[in-house]
C-alpha atoms as a PDB file:
ATOM      1  CA  GLN A   1      26.400  40.814  37.133  1.00  0.00           C
ATOM      2  CA  VAL A   2      27.777  38.414  39.701  1.00  0.00           C
ATOM      3  CA  GLN A   3      31.418  38.391  40.743  1.00  0.00           C
ATOM      4  CA  LEU A   4      32.974  35.220  42.136  1.00  0.00           C
ATOM      5  CA  VAL A   5      36.190  34.822  44.093  1.00  0.00           C
ATOM      6  CA  GLU A   6      37.540  31.373  44.924  1.00  0.00           C
ATOM      7  CA  SER A   7      39.992  30.563  47.703  1.00  0.00           C
ATOM      8  CA  GLY A   8      41.352  27.586  49.580  1.00  0.00           C
ATOM      9  CA  GLY A   9      43.377  25.809  46.922  1.00  0.00           C
ATOM     10  CA  GLY A  10      46.877  24.536  47.542  1.00  0.00           C
ATOM     11  CA  LEU A  11      49.206  21.563  47.647  1.00  0.00           C
ATOM     12  CA  VAL A  12      48.213  18.500  49.647  1.00  0.00           C
ATOM     13  CA  GLN A  13      49.346  14.905  49.852  1.00  0.00           C
ATOM     14  CA  ALA A  14      47.149  12.085  48.617  1.00  0.00           C
ATOM     15  CA  GLY A  15      44.587  11.192  51.239  1.00  0.00           C
ATOM     16  CA  GLY A  16      44.518  14.733  52.583  1.00  0.00           C
ATOM     17  CA  SER A  17      41.768  17.330  52.627  1.00  0.00           C
ATOM     18  CA  LEU A  18      41.122  20.846  51.396  1.00  0.00           C
ATOM     19  CA  ARG A  19      38.137  23.161  51.614  1.00  0.00           C
ATOM     20  CA  LEU A  20      37.448  25.535  48.764  1.00  0.00           C
ATOM     21  CA  SER A  21      35.347  28.646  49.213  1.00  0.00           C
ATOM     22  CA  CYS A  22      33.614  30.798  46.634  1.00  0.00           C
ATOM     23  CA  ALA A  23      32.298  34.188  47.659  1.00  0.00           C
ATOM     24  CA  ALA A  24      29.745  35.839  45.393  1.00  0.00           C
ATOM     25  CA  SER A  25      29.002  39.535  45.149  1.00  0.00           C
ATOM     26  CA  GLY A  26      26.806  41.688  42.974  1.00  0.00           C
ATOM     27  CA  ARG A  27      23.353  40.468  41.886  1.00  0.00           C
ATOM     28  CA  THR A  28      23.551  37.367  44.049  1.00  0.00           C
ATOM     29  CA  PHE A  29      19.798  37.286  44.644  1.00  0.00           C
ATOM     30  CA  SER A  30      19.411  36.270  41.008  1.00  0.00           C
ATOM     31  CA  SER A  31      21.469  33.089  41.335  1.00  0.00           C
ATOM     32  CA  TYR A  32      19.635  29.772  41.112  1.00  0.00           C
ATOM     33  CA  ALA A  33      22.514  27.351  41.571  1.00  0.00           C
ATOM     34  CA  MET A  34      26.213  27.441  42.336  1.00  0.00           C
ATOM     35  CA  GLY A  35      28.673  24.844  41.264  1.00  0.00           C
ATOM     36  CA  TRP A  36      32.266  23.744  41.003  1.00  0.00           C
ATOM     37  CA  PHE A  37      34.055  22.629  37.879  1.00  0.00           C
ATOM     38  CA  ARG A  38      37.673  21.637  37.385  1.00  0.00           C
ATOM     39  CA  GLN A  39      40.121  21.583  34.534  1.00  0.00           C
ATOM     40  CA  ALA A  40      43.338  19.582  34.446  1.00  0.00           C
ATOM     41  CA  PRO A  41      46.115  20.375  31.946  1.00  0.00           C
ATOM     42  CA  GLY A  42      45.215  19.175  28.488  1.00  0.00           C
ATOM     43  CA  LYS A  43      41.683  18.207  29.500  1.00  0.00           C
ATOM     44  CA  GLU A  44      38.269  19.745  29.138  1.00  0.00           C
ATOM     45  CA  ARG A  45      36.581  21.514  32.007  1.00  0.00           C
ATOM     46  CA  GLU A  46      34.459  19.002  33.896  1.00  0.00           C
ATOM     47  CA  PHE A  47      31.631  19.208  36.397  1.00  0.00           C
ATOM     48  CA  VAL A  48      32.428  18.420  40.040  1.00  0.00           C
ATOM     49  CA  ALA A  49      29.436  19.381  42.173  1.00  0.00           C
ATOM     50  CA  SER A  50      26.619  21.892  42.430  1.00  0.00           C
ATOM     51  CA  ILE A  51      23.928  23.045  44.818  1.00  0.00           C
ATOM     52  CA  ILE A  52      20.650  24.849  44.371  1.00  0.00           C
ATOM     53  CA  ARG A  53      20.604  28.065  46.374  1.00  0.00           C
ATOM     54  CA  ILE A  54      17.040  27.621  47.672  1.00  0.00           C
ATOM     55  CA  GLY A  55      16.310  24.116  48.926  1.00  0.00           C
ATOM     56  CA  GLY A  56      19.877  22.882  48.848  1.00  0.00           C
ATOM     57  CA  ASN A  57      19.546  20.002  46.377  1.00  0.00           C
ATOM     58  CA  THR A  58      23.008  18.762  45.460  1.00  0.00           C
ATOM     59  CA  TYR A  59      24.566  17.102  42.444  1.00  0.00           C
ATOM     60  CA  TYR A  60      27.927  15.322  42.227  1.00  0.00           C
ATOM     61  CA  GLU A  61      30.196  13.897  39.585  1.00  0.00           C
ATOM     62  CA  PRO A  62      30.367  10.137  40.326  1.00  0.00           C
ATOM     63  CA  SER A  63      34.120  10.039  40.942  1.00  0.00           C
ATOM     64  CA  VAL A  64      33.873  12.555  43.802  1.00  0.00           C
ATOM     65  CA  LYS A  65      30.662  11.380  45.419  1.00  0.00           C
ATOM     66  CA  GLY A  66      31.382  10.244  48.955  1.00  0.00           C
ATOM     67  CA  ARG A  67      34.651  12.186  49.063  1.00  0.00           C
ATOM     68  CA  PHE A  68      33.539  15.763  48.288  1.00  0.00           C
ATOM     69  CA  THR A  69      30.730  17.709  49.908  1.00  0.00           C
ATOM     70  CA  ILE A  70      29.255  20.918  48.547  1.00  0.00           C
ATOM     71  CA  SER A  71      27.437  23.305  50.873  1.00  0.00           C
ATOM     72  CA  ARG A  72      26.287  26.893  50.866  1.00  0.00           C
ATOM     73  CA  GLU A  73      25.828  29.721  53.309  1.00  0.00           C
ATOM     74  CA  ASN A  74      23.245  31.979  51.722  1.00  0.00           C
ATOM     75  CA  ALA A  75      23.638  34.752  54.292  1.00  0.00           C
ATOM     76  CA  LYS A  76      27.264  35.100  53.178  1.00  0.00           C
ATOM     77  CA  ASN A  77      26.600  34.339  49.501  1.00  0.00           C
ATOM     78  CA  THR A  78      29.270  31.680  49.775  1.00  0.00           C
ATOM     79  CA  VAL A  79      29.528  28.113  48.546  1.00  0.00           C
ATOM     80  CA  TYR A  80      32.041  25.599  49.853  1.00  0.00           C
ATOM     81  CA  LEU A  81      33.583  22.415  48.533  1.00  0.00           C
ATOM     82  CA  GLN A  82      34.979  20.130  51.221  1.00  0.00           C
ATOM     83  CA  MET A  83      37.343  17.692  49.566  1.00  0.00           C
ATOM     84  CA  ASN A  84      38.463  14.630  51.507  1.00  0.00           C
ATOM     85  CA  SER A  85      40.497  11.567  50.545  1.00  0.00           C
ATOM     86  CA  LEU A  86      42.107  13.535  47.753  1.00  0.00           C
ATOM     87  CA  LYS A  87      43.780  11.670  44.916  1.00  0.00           C
ATOM     88  CA  PRO A  88      46.445  12.791  42.440  1.00  0.00           C
ATOM     89  CA  GLU A  89      43.802  12.696  39.706  1.00  0.00           C
ATOM     90  CA  ASP A  90      41.922  15.448  41.547  1.00  0.00           C
ATOM     91  CA  THR A  91      44.735  17.831  40.601  1.00  0.00           C
ATOM     92  CA  ALA A  92      43.264  20.670  38.561  1.00  0.00           C
ATOM     93  CA  VAL A  93      42.241  24.291  38.567  1.00  0.00           C
ATOM     94  CA  TYR A  94      38.885  24.473  40.326  1.00  0.00           C
ATOM     95  CA  TYR A  95      36.345  27.028  39.148  1.00  0.00           C
ATOM     96  CA  CYS A  96      33.257  28.312  40.880  1.00  0.00           C
ATOM     97  CA  ALA A  97      30.221  29.005  38.696  1.00  0.00           C
ATOM     98  CA  VAL A  98      26.753  30.458  39.081  1.00  0.00           C
ATOM     99  CA  ARG A  99      23.635  29.748  37.098  1.00  0.00           C
ATOM    100  CA  ALA A 100      21.104  32.565  37.152  1.00  0.00           C
ATOM    101  CA  ALA A 101      18.187  30.996  35.315  1.00  0.00           C
ATOM    102  CA  TYR A 102      15.570  28.926  37.085  1.00  0.00           C
ATOM    103  CA  GLY A 103      14.143  25.676  35.797  1.00  0.00           C
ATOM    104  CA  SER A 104      15.285  22.674  33.735  1.00  0.00           C
ATOM    105  CA  TYR A 105      18.341  22.341  35.929  1.00  0.00           C
ATOM    106  CA  SER A 106      18.248  18.607  36.640  1.00  0.00           C
ATOM    107  CA  SER A 107      19.010  17.771  33.013  1.00  0.00           C
ATOM    108  CA  ILE A 108      21.806  20.283  32.467  1.00  0.00           C
ATOM    109  CA  TYR A 109      23.546  20.781  35.816  1.00  0.00           C
ATOM    110  CA  TYR A 110      26.744  19.126  34.571  1.00  0.00           C
ATOM    111  CA  ARG A 111      27.144  21.301  31.478  1.00  0.00           C
ATOM    112  CA  ALA A 112      29.466  24.287  31.663  1.00  0.00           C
ATOM    113  CA  PRO A 113      27.342  26.378  29.236  1.00  0.00           C
ATOM    114  CA  ALA A 114      24.457  26.129  31.722  1.00  0.00           C
ATOM    115  CA  TYR A 115      26.300  28.565  34.012  1.00  0.00           C
ATOM    116  CA  ASP A 116      26.392  32.298  33.525  1.00  0.00           C
ATOM    117  CA  TYR A 117      29.216  33.528  35.740  1.00  0.00           C
ATOM    118  CA  TRP A 118      32.631  32.110  36.518  1.00  0.00           C
ATOM    119  CA  GLY A 119      35.429  32.765  38.960  1.00  0.00           C
ATOM    120  CA  GLN A 120      39.106  32.950  38.069  1.00  0.00           C
ATOM    121  CA  GLY A 121      39.908  29.534  39.508  1.00  0.00           C
ATOM    122  CA  THR A 122      42.070  28.169  42.294  1.00  0.00           C
ATOM    123  CA  GLN A 123      44.780  25.556  41.850  1.00  0.00           C
ATOM    124  CA  VAL A 124      44.530  22.243  43.699  1.00  0.00           C
ATOM    125  CA  THR A 125      47.550  19.965  43.514  1.00  0.00           C
ATOM    126  CA  VAL A 126      47.550  16.507  45.073  1.00  0.00           C
ATOM    127  CA  SER A 127      50.922  14.808  45.347  1.00  0.00           C
ATOM    128  CA  SER A 128      51.307  11.032  45.422  1.00  0.00           C
END
């Protein structure tokens, strides 16, 4: 089992920045990739960004590429999401997720069912 705890959400004006953190505990050595998803009211959960634990390859949803940066600190079992130039449409609950299984990741990284463990979420609200 892997436990995930997100932090860093809050209220920010459009154009501002926030940094989300996700600390993992438990069987963290078994994690292959860590990612961030978000869910706005009335919408489906959508992929934001992810990073492979070993090697550091990153993946981004097109609307956040260039504005958001995902990074990890393996020694602390923590993944970060630096969010700059925030827009009101970025408002959502942001969830951290871990995929345990290796392989075939490049074709499924954006799919929520590809991840095995989830955090409780942290609210990000961007005011216009």
